[in-house]
Amino acid sequence: MLVRATQVNKYFGGNLVFDNLDFEIKKGDKIALIGENGSGKSTLFKILAGKQPPDSGTVVVPRGTTIDYLEQEPHAKPGESVMDLVMGADPKIVSLHKRVQELEAQMGDPDVYSDPDLFQNVLDEYGLVQEQFEQAGGYDYEAKIRSVLRGIGFTEERLTQPASRLSGGEKKLIGLARLLVKEPDLLLLDEPDNHLDLKAKEWLEQYILNHDGAVATISHDRYFLDRFINHIFELEDGKIYEYHCNYSGFREAKQRRLEKEAQLYAMQKRELKELEKTARRLKLWASLNLKFAGRAQSKKRQLNVRKAELENAPKPILNRNTVELEFGQEERSGKMALRLKNVSMTYGERQLYAPFDLSIQYGERIGLAGPNGSGKTSLFKIILGEETPTTGTVQLGARVKVGYYSQEQETLDLKQTPVDYIRAIKPMVDEQAVALLKGRLLLDYDECFTPMGNLSGGQKSRLQLVGLGLKGINFLLLDEPTNNLDIPSMIVLEDALLDFEGTILVISHDRYFLDQIVDKIVAIENGQVKEYPGSFTDFYERTAGKVDLGTLSLPAQRA
């Protein structure tokens, strides 16, 4: 047992987040913590990591158990390189290495080696420190760091780059690398796959599978969860529900649990009605014959207890309120939706892609794949006319109406309110806009009139998608539409896209999502644009080891 939580409660702003949570984490557990945005997943991780106390209850961690939590970007010192920053993840190894170097320098000092007693003292300490350094894994430490950094997408050349020049996403990756090289007993990973391309995700999956200790992760990538998870912890309505399966098994197991709870609840209500009938009958008999009075009082107390138990028990909810999305086209486009002819793109001396042709027919569903920086978003901007290709032509088909979802949310004016945004797309009065936003996005009244910049990332993403649905478009360009969405919202998006009869071109690192939606992959491979019919899994199985979707360097298998 690595962690035992007992009767853990947590309040936030006067609201109960957790209600008497009980669970254990054992060595070898590979756990996914899932739940809607705002359900308290990150808060629970902070409690397990000792960064926040519970308001009541206990979290027991046996002495000597190490827990590390991926939470924030590491702070780089001036002049510190990427390699230096990750090396600092284990201060003990760094300190021992520094002492080894100091003692080696002393042994080369004439004042030391000319004094036999002093030299022997230095030599003795050197042997001791060297042994401690070896036991701590110091001699393998640098190689391990290089393997991890290559695995998550850093080239050898970038390891000497100043860490201060890294983007926010890259610093998050460095935080992940620092955590992985320490190999604690329990890894707590909060969205570790964000900013990782497909190859790096595969590397991380393999790393977690090989990790001797336990891993608990928060992730919205269902394919990622299916690969290595053997436990699901779901946070819902302040409770935690445990399932011994991966994500695909979880959906079926949860439905079975809810149906069983609904049946039990219905049975308890029937039993309560029978108890009420018995209590009424005994009360009537007691009014006629006092010998029934004691039994009537006893049955009444029993009835009150059962009523209280049923009232306090959470009522099973088989169908929860979810966001609503619908992409309805005003009219279909011509047979040809998009044609790119001899298109190439060059920035300075770097050729993003060599000249290529691409035709997309009405109704096709295409995933655009390639490593980070390969030019996927740039290709979208070329199609939208926001960038001009170096060579070639871009032709939209007849009656094509394009709708663009931007992962950076730049299509939203963050000073606008959601009501203003909806009314600018489709004329309606405030009351109609509020009803739409409350019904489809589950926003409360105040959120409908707050600047969009104050909304959460998930709310902005869903608002942008609802806006697209109101425009009557027939060609969707979607750039990472599942980013910021919780899993229930992803399922709603998938259902809406499957019902959409128009054309879809989508960029996504969500392999589960791609398998649900697309029937062709267009891959950017080392500047070449190639087409592969079939789902993402079909494409990946046919091209594994051939198509460069990022850097992959798997750690050695453990014995």
Protein backbone atom coordinates (compact mmCIF):
# COMPACT_ATOMS: atom_id res chain seq x y z
CA MET A 1 0.00 0.00 0.00
CA LEU A 2 1.42 3.37 -1.07
CA VAL A 3 -1.48 5.65 -0.08
CA ARG A 4 -4.66 5.17 1.94
CA ALA A 5 -7.29 7.91 2.00
CA THR A 6 -10.00 7.67 4.65
CA GLN A 7 -13.11 9.88 4.97
CA VAL A 8 -11.43 12.74 3.07
CA ASN A 9 -13.51 15.93 2.80
CA LYS A 10 -12.61 19.18 1.07
CA TYR A 11 -14.52 22.43 0.75
CA PHE A 12 -13.91 25.23 -1.74
CA GLY A 13 -15.61 28.57 -1.23
CA GLY A 14 -18.10 26.96 1.11
CA ASN A 15 -19.00 24.24 -1.40
CA LEU A 16 -18.27 20.58 -0.67
CA VAL A 17 -15.85 19.23 -3.28
CA PHE A 18 -15.21 15.78 -1.76
CA ASP A 19 -17.60 13.89 0.46
CA ASN A 20 -15.90 11.23 2.64
CA LEU A 21 -13.59 9.76 -0.01
CA ASP A 22 -12.13 6.31 0.75
CA PHE A 23 -9.59 4.59 -1.51
CA GLU A 24 -6.16 2.95 -1.67
CA ILE A 25 -3.31 3.11 -4.17
CA LYS A 26 -1.00 0.10 -4.37
CA LYS A 27 2.35 -0.51 -6.04
CA GLY A 28 1.85 -1.27 -9.72
CA ASP A 29 -1.51 0.50 -9.96
CA LYS A 30 -1.94 2.49 -13.18
CA ILE A 31 -4.85 4.81 -12.39
CA ALA A 32 -6.81 7.33 -14.44
CA LEU A 33 -8.58 9.99 -12.38
CA ILE A 34 -11.46 11.20 -14.50
CA GLY A 35 -14.41 13.51 -13.99
CA GLU A 36 -15.98 16.63 -15.42
CA ASN A 37 -14.00 19.87 -15.39
CA GLY A 38 -14.34 21.39 -11.92
CA SER A 39 -14.99 18.08 -10.17
CA GLY A 40 -11.81 18.47 -8.08
CA LYS A 41 -9.32 16.19 -9.84
CA SER A 42 -6.31 18.51 -9.50
CA THR A 43 -7.28 19.35 -5.92
CA LEU A 44 -7.25 15.65 -5.03
CA PHE A 45 -3.77 15.27 -6.56
CA LYS A 46 -2.52 18.20 -4.47
CA ILE A 47 -3.90 16.55 -1.33
CA LEU A 48 -2.18 13.25 -2.19
CA ALA A 49 1.08 15.10 -2.86
CA GLY A 50 0.87 16.89 0.50
CA LYS A 51 0.54 20.31 -1.11
CA GLN A 52 -2.94 20.88 0.35
CA PRO A 53 -4.47 19.41 3.51
CA PRO A 54 -7.95 17.86 3.52
CA ASP A 55 -10.51 19.72 5.63
CA SER A 56 -11.19 16.44 7.41
CA GLY A 57 -10.18 12.82 7.07
CA THR A 58 -6.70 11.34 6.68
CA VAL A 59 -4.23 10.50 3.93
CA VAL A 60 -1.71 7.89 5.15
CA VAL A 61 1.59 7.49 3.30
CA PRO A 62 4.04 4.90 4.71
CA ARG A 63 7.45 6.24 5.74
CA GLY A 64 9.94 6.21 2.89
CA THR A 65 7.30 6.35 0.12
CA THR A 66 8.13 9.00 -2.47
CA ILE A 67 5.36 10.89 -4.28
CA ASP A 68 5.96 13.46 -7.02
CA TYR A 69 3.37 15.67 -8.69
CA LEU A 70 3.57 17.30 -12.12
CA GLU A 71 2.07 20.67 -11.33
CA GLN A 72 3.89 23.68 -12.68
CA GLU A 73 6.68 24.86 -14.92
CA PRO A 74 10.17 24.63 -13.36
CA HIS A 75 12.00 27.92 -12.79
CA ALA A 76 15.20 28.26 -14.82
CA LYS A 77 18.21 30.12 -13.43
CA PRO A 78 20.02 32.61 -15.71
CA GLY A 79 22.29 30.77 -18.14
CA GLU A 80 20.88 27.34 -17.22
CA SER A 81 20.49 24.96 -20.17
CA VAL A 82 17.68 22.48 -20.78
CA MET A 83 20.00 19.67 -19.69
CA ASP A 84 21.05 21.56 -16.53
CA LEU A 85 17.43 22.20 -15.58
CA VAL A 86 16.51 18.51 -15.78
CA MET A 87 19.75 17.45 -14.06
CA GLY A 88 18.62 19.51 -11.07
CA ALA A 89 15.59 17.23 -10.59
CA ASP A 90 17.60 15.08 -8.13
CA PRO A 91 19.58 17.43 -5.84
CA LYS A 92 21.22 14.47 -4.09
CA ILE A 93 22.84 13.20 -7.30
CA VAL A 94 23.87 16.73 -8.27
CA SER A 95 25.42 17.31 -4.84
CA LEU A 96 27.28 13.98 -4.86
CA HIS A 97 28.55 14.61 -8.41
CA LYS A 98 29.81 18.01 -7.39
CA ARG A 99 31.61 16.49 -4.39
CA VAL A 100 33.18 13.77 -6.59
CA GLN A 101 34.55 16.49 -8.88
CA GLU A 102 35.87 18.49 -5.89
CA LEU A 103 37.66 15.44 -4.45
CA GLU A 104 39.14 14.58 -7.85
CA ALA A 105 40.49 18.13 -8.07
CA GLN A 106 41.95 17.83 -4.56
CA MET A 107 43.72 14.56 -5.45
CA GLY A 108 45.42 16.42 -8.30
CA ASP A 109 46.58 19.21 -5.99
CA PRO A 110 50.35 18.94 -5.17
CA ASP A 111 49.70 20.08 -1.60
CA VAL A 112 47.40 17.07 -1.16
CA TYR A 113 49.19 14.24 -2.98
CA SER A 114 52.52 15.24 -1.41
CA ASP A 115 51.00 14.68 2.06
CA PRO A 116 50.34 10.89 2.46
CA ASP A 117 47.94 11.26 5.39
CA LEU A 118 45.93 14.06 3.76
CA PHE A 119 45.85 12.23 0.42
CA GLN A 120 44.58 9.04 2.14
CA ASN A 121 41.80 10.99 3.86
CA VAL A 122 40.73 12.50 0.54
CA LEU A 123 40.98 9.09 -1.15
CA ASP A 124 38.84 7.46 1.56
CA GLU A 125 36.15 10.11 1.24
CA TYR A 126 36.32 9.85 -2.55
CA GLY A 127 35.65 6.11 -2.38
CA LEU A 128 32.71 6.63 -0.02
CA VAL A 129 31.16 9.43 -2.06
CA GLN A 130 31.73 7.52 -5.30
CA GLU A 131 29.91 4.50 -3.84
CA GLN A 132 27.00 6.72 -2.73
CA PHE A 133 26.90 8.31 -6.20
CA GLU A 134 26.75 4.88 -7.85
CA GLN A 135 24.01 3.61 -5.48
CA ALA A 136 21.94 6.74 -6.24
CA GLY A 137 22.14 5.94 -9.97
CA GLY A 138 24.46 8.82 -10.71
CA TYR A 139 26.45 7.08 -13.46
CA ASP A 140 23.25 6.35 -15.43
CA TYR A 141 21.63 9.67 -14.61
CA GLU A 142 22.75 11.69 -17.62
CA ALA A 143 21.93 8.88 -20.06
CA LYS A 144 18.47 8.53 -18.48
CA ILE A 145 17.86 12.28 -18.84
CA ARG A 146 18.87 12.25 -22.50
CA SER A 147 16.56 9.28 -23.15
CA VAL A 148 13.60 11.03 -21.48
CA LEU A 149 14.20 14.35 -23.26
CA ARG A 150 14.52 12.64 -26.64
CA GLY A 151 11.38 10.66 -25.88
CA ILE A 152 9.24 13.77 -25.27
CA GLY A 153 10.56 15.47 -28.42
CA PHE A 154 13.77 17.37 -27.61
CA THR A 155 16.56 16.90 -30.14
CA GLU A 156 20.18 16.55 -29.01
CA GLU A 157 20.94 20.06 -30.29
CA ARG A 158 18.26 21.59 -28.07
CA LEU A 159 19.65 20.13 -24.84
CA THR A 160 22.23 22.92 -24.64
CA GLN A 161 19.67 25.63 -25.46
CA PRO A 162 19.08 28.19 -22.65
CA ALA A 163 16.03 27.03 -20.69
CA SER A 164 14.84 30.64 -20.40
CA ARG A 165 14.01 30.62 -24.13
CA LEU A 166 11.53 27.76 -23.85
CA SER A 167 7.83 28.35 -24.49
CA GLY A 168 5.27 27.72 -21.77
CA GLY A 169 4.38 24.37 -23.31
CA GLU A 170 8.04 23.35 -23.54
CA LYS A 171 8.61 24.26 -19.89
CA LYS A 172 5.70 21.98 -18.98
CA LEU A 173 7.51 19.21 -20.87
CA ILE A 174 10.69 19.93 -18.90
CA GLY A 175 8.66 19.62 -15.71
CA LEU A 176 7.49 16.22 -16.95
CA ALA A 177 11.07 15.17 -17.74
CA ARG A 178 12.27 16.18 -14.25
CA LEU A 179 9.53 14.05 -12.75
CA LEU A 180 10.18 10.98 -14.90
CA VAL A 181 13.93 10.81 -14.23
CA LYS A 182 13.31 10.73 -10.44
CA GLU A 183 11.13 7.58 -10.70
CA PRO A 184 9.18 8.04 -7.43
CA ASP A 185 6.98 5.32 -5.90
CA LEU A 186 3.87 7.24 -7.00
CA LEU A 187 3.78 9.52 -10.03
CA LEU A 188 0.90 12.01 -10.09
CA LEU A 189 0.59 13.30 -13.66
CA ASP A 190 -1.87 16.14 -14.34
CA GLU A 191 -2.46 16.29 -18.13
CA PRO A 192 1.06 14.95 -18.92
CA ASP A 193 0.23 14.40 -22.60
CA ASN A 194 -0.55 18.07 -23.28
CA HIS A 195 1.99 19.52 -25.77
CA LEU A 196 3.16 16.03 -26.77
CA ASP A 197 2.95 14.91 -30.39
CA LEU A 198 1.80 11.39 -31.24
CA LYS A 199 5.23 9.73 -31.09
CA ALA A 200 6.01 11.37 -27.76
CA LYS A 201 2.67 10.17 -26.37
CA GLU A 202 3.52 6.64 -27.44
CA TRP A 203 6.90 6.96 -25.74
CA LEU A 204 5.25 8.19 -22.52
CA GLU A 205 2.76 5.30 -22.60
CA GLN A 206 5.62 2.82 -22.84
CA TYR A 207 7.53 4.59 -20.09
CA ILE A 208 4.55 4.39 -17.74
CA LEU A 209 4.03 0.71 -18.55
CA ASN A 210 7.67 0.05 -17.64
CA HIS A 211 7.57 2.13 -14.44
CA ASP A 212 7.85 -0.13 -11.37
CA GLY A 213 5.85 2.17 -9.11
CA ALA A 214 2.27 3.39 -9.26
CA VAL A 215 1.03 6.06 -11.66
CA ALA A 216 -2.09 8.18 -11.35
CA THR A 217 -2.91 10.48 -14.24
CA ILE A 218 -5.48 13.06 -15.21
CA SER A 219 -5.96 12.99 -18.97
CA HIS A 220 -8.69 13.57 -21.53
CA ASP A 221 -6.93 11.39 -24.13
CA ARG A 222 -8.98 8.20 -24.07
CA TYR A 223 -6.62 6.32 -26.38
CA PHE A 224 -3.77 7.21 -24.00
CA LEU A 225 -5.84 5.90 -21.08
CA ASP A 226 -6.70 2.67 -22.88
CA ARG A 227 -3.05 1.83 -23.45
CA PHE A 228 -1.79 1.44 -19.87
CA ILE A 229 -4.58 2.05 -17.33
CA ASN A 230 -5.80 -0.82 -15.13
CA HIS A 231 -7.87 1.25 -12.66
CA ILE A 232 -10.33 4.10 -13.16
CA PHE A 233 -11.12 6.48 -10.30
CA GLU A 234 -14.10 8.63 -11.27
CA LEU A 235 -14.95 11.77 -9.30
CA GLU A 236 -18.65 12.52 -9.56
CA ASP A 237 -20.90 14.54 -7.24
CA GLY A 238 -18.16 14.62 -4.59
CA LYS A 239 -17.86 10.81 -4.50
CA ILE A 240 -15.20 8.52 -5.91
CA TYR A 241 -16.10 5.37 -7.84
CA GLU A 242 -13.48 2.75 -8.63
CA TYR A 243 -13.45 0.49 -11.68
CA HIS A 244 -10.87 -2.22 -12.39
CA CYS A 245 -10.52 -1.68 -16.14
CA ASN A 246 -9.23 0.72 -18.79
CA TYR A 247 -11.28 3.58 -20.25
CA SER A 248 -13.18 1.51 -22.82
CA GLY A 249 -14.20 -0.95 -20.11
CA PHE A 250 -15.10 1.90 -17.77
CA ARG A 251 -17.95 3.22 -19.90
CA GLU A 252 -19.67 -0.16 -19.91
CA ALA A 253 -18.91 -0.81 -16.22
CA LYS A 254 -20.31 2.59 -15.21
CA GLN A 255 -23.51 2.00 -17.15
CA ARG A 256 -23.94 -1.37 -15.43
CA ARG A 257 -23.37 0.27 -12.02
CA LEU A 258 -25.91 3.02 -12.70
CA GLU A 259 -28.51 0.54 -13.93
CA LYS A 260 -27.94 -1.64 -10.87
CA GLU A 261 -28.21 1.39 -8.57
CA ALA A 262 -31.38 2.51 -10.36
CA GLN A 263 -32.91 -0.95 -9.93
CA LEU A 264 -31.91 -0.98 -6.24
CA TYR A 265 -33.35 2.52 -5.75
CA ALA A 266 -36.63 1.50 -7.40
CA MET A 267 -36.79 -1.63 -5.22
CA GLN A 268 -36.15 0.43 -2.08
CA LYS A 269 -38.96 2.81 -3.06
CA ARG A 270 -41.32 -0.15 -3.55
CA GLU A 271 -40.30 -1.54 -0.16
CA LEU A 272 -40.90 1.87 1.38
CA LYS A 273 -44.41 1.98 -0.06
CA GLU A 274 -45.14 -1.47 1.37
CA LEU A 275 -43.77 -0.31 4.72
CA GLU A 276 -46.04 2.76 4.57
CA LYS A 277 -49.06 0.53 3.88
CA THR A 278 -48.15 -1.70 6.85
CA ALA A 279 -47.65 1.34 9.11
CA ARG A 280 -51.05 2.79 8.10
CA ARG A 281 -52.74 -0.58 8.67
CA LEU A 282 -51.19 -0.98 12.14
CA LYS A 283 -52.15 2.59 13.02
CA LEU A 284 -55.74 1.82 12.08
CA TRP A 285 -55.72 -1.42 14.10
CA ALA A 286 -54.19 0.40 17.08
CA SER A 287 -57.12 2.85 17.03
CA LEU A 288 -59.44 -0.15 17.35
CA ASN A 289 -57.34 -2.30 19.65
CA LEU A 290 -54.64 -0.93 21.96
CA LYS A 291 -52.61 -4.14 21.83
CA PHE A 292 -51.45 -3.06 18.34
CA ALA A 293 -50.20 0.34 19.58
CA GLY A 294 -46.64 -0.83 20.33
CA ARG A 295 -46.28 -2.52 16.97
CA ALA A 296 -47.66 0.57 15.23
CA GLN A 297 -45.13 2.86 16.97
CA SER A 298 -42.27 0.48 16.16
CA LYS A 299 -43.28 0.31 12.50
CA LYS A 300 -43.58 4.11 12.35
CA ARG A 301 -40.02 4.52 13.71
CA GLN A 302 -38.77 1.96 11.18
CA LEU A 303 -40.59 3.84 8.40
CA ASN A 304 -39.03 7.19 9.43
CA VAL A 305 -35.54 5.68 9.47
CA ARG A 306 -36.00 4.11 6.00
CA LYS A 307 -37.44 7.37 4.64
CA ALA A 308 -34.44 9.35 5.93
CA GLU A 309 -32.01 6.81 4.46
CA LEU A 310 -33.66 6.97 1.05
CA GLU A 311 -33.89 10.79 1.08
CA ASN A 312 -30.19 11.12 1.98
CA ALA A 313 -29.04 8.54 -0.54
CA PRO A 314 -28.01 10.04 -3.91
CA LYS A 315 -30.59 9.29 -6.58
CA PRO A 316 -28.98 7.43 -9.52
CA ILE A 317 -28.81 9.60 -12.65
CA LEU A 318 -28.77 7.51 -15.80
CA ASN A 319 -28.82 10.48 -18.19
CA ARG A 320 -27.03 13.62 -17.01
CA ASN A 321 -27.41 17.08 -18.50
CA THR A 322 -24.64 17.65 -21.02
CA VAL A 323 -23.69 20.36 -23.46
CA GLU A 324 -25.50 20.23 -26.80
CA LEU A 325 -23.77 20.65 -30.16
CA GLU A 326 -25.20 20.53 -33.65
CA PHE A 327 -23.56 21.37 -36.98
CA GLY A 328 -26.35 21.96 -39.48
CA GLN A 329 -25.45 23.18 -42.98
CA GLU A 330 -27.70 25.70 -44.74
CA GLU A 331 -26.94 24.10 -48.12
CA ARG A 332 -24.52 21.47 -49.34
CA SER A 333 -21.51 22.46 -51.40
CA GLY A 334 -20.61 21.17 -54.84
CA LYS A 335 -19.00 17.74 -55.25
CA MET A 336 -15.50 19.23 -55.01
CA ALA A 337 -15.04 21.04 -51.70
CA LEU A 338 -11.35 22.01 -51.97
CA ARG A 339 -8.55 21.66 -54.52
CA LEU A 340 -4.90 22.49 -53.85
CA LYS A 341 -2.68 22.42 -56.94
CA ASN A 342 1.14 22.43 -56.82
CA VAL A 343 1.08 24.10 -53.37
CA SER A 344 4.36 24.57 -51.51
CA MET A 345 5.43 26.73 -48.58
CA THR A 346 8.86 28.04 -47.69
CA TYR A 347 9.88 30.22 -44.75
CA GLY A 348 13.32 31.68 -45.35
CA GLU A 349 15.55 28.71 -46.16
CA ARG A 350 13.19 26.16 -44.63
CA GLN A 351 10.78 24.36 -46.92
CA LEU A 352 7.67 23.47 -44.92
CA TYR A 353 6.29 21.28 -47.68
CA ALA A 354 7.34 20.48 -51.21
CA PRO A 355 4.81 21.07 -54.04
CA PHE A 356 1.78 18.81 -53.67
CA ASP A 357 -1.78 18.35 -54.93
CA LEU A 358 -4.78 17.64 -52.71
CA SER A 359 -8.46 17.32 -53.59
CA ILE A 360 -11.18 17.01 -50.96
CA GLN A 361 -14.67 15.90 -51.97
CA TYR A 362 -17.90 16.95 -50.28
CA GLY A 363 -18.64 14.76 -47.25
CA GLU A 364 -15.07 13.51 -46.75
CA ARG A 365 -13.74 13.35 -43.17
CA ILE A 366 -9.99 13.85 -43.13
CA GLY A 367 -7.46 13.97 -40.30
CA LEU A 368 -4.35 16.10 -40.85
CA ALA A 369 -1.37 14.45 -39.11
CA GLY A 370 2.25 15.39 -38.59
CA PRO A 371 4.75 16.27 -35.85
CA ASN A 372 4.66 19.58 -34.01
CA GLY A 373 6.02 22.29 -36.30
CA SER A 374 5.37 20.37 -39.52
CA GLY A 375 2.98 23.03 -40.85
CA LYS A 376 -0.51 21.69 -40.07
CA THR A 377 -1.90 25.00 -38.79
CA SER A 378 -0.10 26.86 -41.59
CA LEU A 379 -1.93 24.67 -44.12
CA PHE A 380 -5.22 25.69 -42.51
CA LYS A 381 -4.27 29.35 -42.85
CA ILE A 382 -3.43 28.81 -46.53
CA ILE A 383 -6.87 27.26 -47.08
CA LEU A 384 -8.50 30.19 -45.22
CA GLY A 385 -6.57 32.70 -47.36
CA GLU A 386 -4.74 34.11 -44.35
CA GLU A 387 -1.37 33.02 -45.76
CA THR A 388 -0.19 32.88 -49.38
CA PRO A 389 1.61 29.71 -50.50
CA THR A 390 5.04 30.06 -52.07
CA THR A 391 3.75 28.25 -55.17
CA GLY A 392 0.44 26.84 -56.33
CA THR A 393 -3.25 27.64 -56.15
CA VAL A 394 -6.05 27.10 -53.63
CA GLN A 395 -9.60 26.71 -54.93
CA LEU A 396 -12.72 26.28 -52.80
CA GLY A 397 -15.63 24.47 -54.43
CA ALA A 398 -18.99 25.89 -55.36
CA ARG A 399 -21.17 27.02 -52.44
CA VAL A 400 -18.51 26.04 -49.89
CA LYS A 401 -19.03 27.80 -46.56
CA VAL A 402 -16.02 27.30 -44.29
CA GLY A 403 -16.18 27.28 -40.50
CA TYR A 404 -12.87 27.47 -38.62
CA TYR A 405 -12.21 26.33 -35.05
CA SER A 406 -8.95 27.77 -33.68
CA GLN A 407 -7.17 26.04 -30.82
CA GLU A 408 -5.79 29.44 -29.71
CA GLN A 409 -9.35 30.89 -29.55
CA GLU A 410 -8.34 33.89 -31.68
CA THR A 411 -11.72 33.72 -33.43
CA LEU A 412 -13.27 34.95 -30.17
CA ASP A 413 -13.31 38.59 -29.05
CA LEU A 414 -12.59 37.99 -25.37
CA LYS A 415 -14.06 41.38 -24.45
CA GLN A 416 -17.43 40.30 -25.82
CA THR A 417 -19.98 38.49 -23.68
CA PRO A 418 -21.34 35.11 -24.77
CA VAL A 419 -24.70 36.78 -25.46
CA ASP A 420 -23.02 39.37 -27.73
CA TYR A 421 -21.10 36.60 -29.50
CA ILE A 422 -24.22 34.51 -30.20
CA ARG A 423 -26.31 37.50 -31.30
CA ALA A 424 -23.56 38.61 -33.72
CA ILE A 425 -23.77 35.20 -35.42
CA LYS A 426 -27.56 34.83 -35.45
CA PRO A 427 -29.95 37.73 -34.77
CA MET A 428 -32.04 37.12 -31.64
CA VAL A 429 -33.08 38.96 -28.50
CA ASP A 430 -31.11 38.62 -25.25
CA GLU A 431 -33.65 36.24 -23.73
CA GLN A 432 -33.31 33.84 -26.68
CA ALA A 433 -29.50 33.98 -26.51
CA VAL A 434 -29.54 33.32 -22.76
CA ALA A 435 -31.90 30.36 -23.21
CA LEU A 436 -29.63 28.93 -25.91
CA LEU A 437 -26.47 29.38 -23.81
CA LYS A 438 -28.06 27.90 -20.68
CA GLY A 439 -29.58 25.01 -22.61
CA ARG A 440 -26.65 24.09 -24.86
CA LEU A 441 -23.64 25.18 -22.80
CA LEU A 442 -25.06 24.93 -19.27
CA LEU A 443 -23.88 28.49 -18.52
CA ASP A 444 -25.56 30.25 -15.64
CA TYR A 445 -27.20 33.65 -16.12
CA ASP A 446 -24.24 35.71 -14.90
CA GLU A 447 -21.80 33.81 -17.15
CA CYS A 448 -23.94 34.71 -20.16
CA PHE A 449 -23.13 38.39 -19.57
CA THR A 450 -19.50 38.16 -18.43
CA PRO A 451 -16.62 38.89 -20.87
CA MET A 452 -15.53 35.68 -22.57
CA GLY A 453 -11.99 36.26 -21.33
CA ASN A 454 -13.26 35.39 -17.84
CA LEU A 455 -14.60 31.99 -18.91
CA SER A 456 -12.65 28.77 -18.49
CA GLY A 457 -10.76 27.23 -21.40
CA GLY A 458 -13.41 24.53 -21.72
CA GLN A 459 -16.25 27.05 -21.75
CA LYS A 460 -14.54 29.11 -24.47
CA SER A 461 -13.95 25.97 -26.55
CA ARG A 462 -17.58 24.88 -26.27
CA LEU A 463 -18.78 28.42 -27.04
CA GLN A 464 -16.68 28.50 -30.22
CA LEU A 465 -18.13 25.14 -31.29
CA VAL A 466 -21.72 26.26 -30.60
CA GLY A 467 -21.01 29.38 -32.67
CA LEU A 468 -19.84 27.24 -35.58
CA GLY A 469 -23.04 25.24 -35.36
CA LEU A 470 -25.13 28.40 -35.71
CA LYS A 471 -23.38 29.53 -38.89
CA GLY A 472 -24.82 26.88 -41.19
CA ILE A 473 -21.40 25.91 -42.55
CA ASN A 474 -20.74 22.90 -44.79
CA PHE A 475 -16.93 22.63 -44.48
CA LEU A 476 -15.39 22.40 -41.00
CA LEU A 477 -11.72 23.21 -40.37
CA LEU A 478 -11.01 22.09 -36.82
CA ASP A 479 -7.63 22.78 -35.19
CA GLU A 480 -7.33 20.65 -32.01
CA PRO A 481 -11.05 20.90 -31.12
CA THR A 482 -10.79 18.50 -28.15
CA ASN A 483 -8.21 20.61 -26.28
CA ASN A 484 -9.77 21.98 -23.07
CA LEU A 485 -12.80 19.67 -23.34
CA ASP A 486 -13.63 17.13 -20.67
CA ILE A 487 -14.51 13.61 -21.78
CA PRO A 488 -18.32 14.07 -21.67
CA SER A 489 -17.97 17.14 -23.93
CA MET A 490 -15.71 15.18 -26.30
CA ILE A 491 -18.38 12.49 -26.65
CA VAL A 492 -21.00 15.17 -27.45
CA LEU A 493 -18.65 16.69 -30.06
CA GLU A 494 -18.03 13.30 -31.66
CA ASP A 495 -21.77 12.59 -31.88
CA ALA A 496 -22.39 16.01 -33.47
CA LEU A 497 -19.64 15.50 -36.04
CA LEU A 498 -20.87 12.01 -36.89
CA ASP A 499 -24.32 13.53 -37.60
CA PHE A 500 -22.79 16.32 -39.74
CA GLU A 501 -23.23 15.64 -43.47
CA GLY A 502 -20.68 18.18 -44.69
CA THR A 503 -16.89 18.07 -45.10
CA ILE A 504 -14.41 17.85 -42.21
CA LEU A 505 -10.67 18.52 -42.10
CA VAL A 506 -9.35 18.19 -38.55
CA ILE A 507 -6.02 18.51 -36.77
CA SER A 508 -5.91 16.50 -33.57
CA HIS A 509 -3.45 14.60 -31.37
CA ASP A 510 -6.43 12.75 -29.87
CA ARG A 511 -6.15 9.33 -31.49
CA TYR A 512 -9.41 8.06 -30.00
CA PHE A 513 -11.24 11.07 -31.44
CA LEU A 514 -9.64 10.61 -34.87
CA ASP A 515 -10.64 6.95 -34.98
CA GLN A 516 -14.27 7.94 -34.30
CA ILE A 517 -14.42 10.73 -36.89
CA VAL A 518 -12.10 10.41 -39.91
CA ASP A 519 -11.96 8.01 -42.85
CA LYS A 520 -8.75 9.35 -44.39
CA ILE A 521 -5.44 10.69 -43.10
CA VAL A 522 -3.39 13.36 -44.85
CA ALA A 523 0.10 13.19 -43.32
CA ILE A 524 2.91 15.74 -43.54
CA GLU A 525 6.08 13.62 -43.59
CA ASN A 526 9.41 15.46 -43.75
CA GLY A 527 7.94 18.12 -46.02
CA GLN A 528 5.98 15.64 -48.14
CA VAL A 529 2.17 15.61 -48.07
CA LYS A 530 0.69 12.11 -48.55
CA GLU A 531 -2.79 10.57 -48.36
CA TYR A 532 -3.79 7.36 -46.55
CA PRO A 533 -7.37 6.01 -46.72
CA GLY A 534 -8.91 4.58 -43.54
CA SER A 535 -8.97 5.45 -39.84
CA PHE A 536 -6.06 6.81 -37.85
CA THR A 537 -5.31 3.35 -36.44
CA ASP A 538 -5.26 1.92 -39.98
CA PHE A 539 -2.82 4.63 -41.01
CA TYR A 540 -0.58 4.24 -37.98
CA GLU A 541 -0.40 0.45 -38.18
CA ARG A 542 0.51 0.60 -41.87
CA THR A 543 3.17 3.28 -41.43
CA ALA A 544 4.59 2.57 -37.92
CA GLY A 545 8.33 3.13 -38.01
CA LYS A 546 8.14 4.84 -41.41
CA VAL A 547 6.18 8.06 -40.91
CA ASP A 548 7.86 10.68 -38.75
CA LEU A 549 5.22 12.05 -36.36
CA GLY A 550 7.80 13.13 -33.78
CA THR A 551 10.83 11.78 -31.95
CA LEU A 552 10.52 8.34 -30.40
CA SER A 553 13.11 6.87 -28.06
CA LEU A 554 11.81 4.13 -25.81
CA PRO A 555 13.51 3.41 -22.48
CA ALA A 556 14.98 -0.04 -22.04
CA GLN A 557 12.52 -2.70 -20.90
CA ARG A 558 12.80 -3.50 -17.21
CA ALA A 559 13.75 -7.02 -16.17
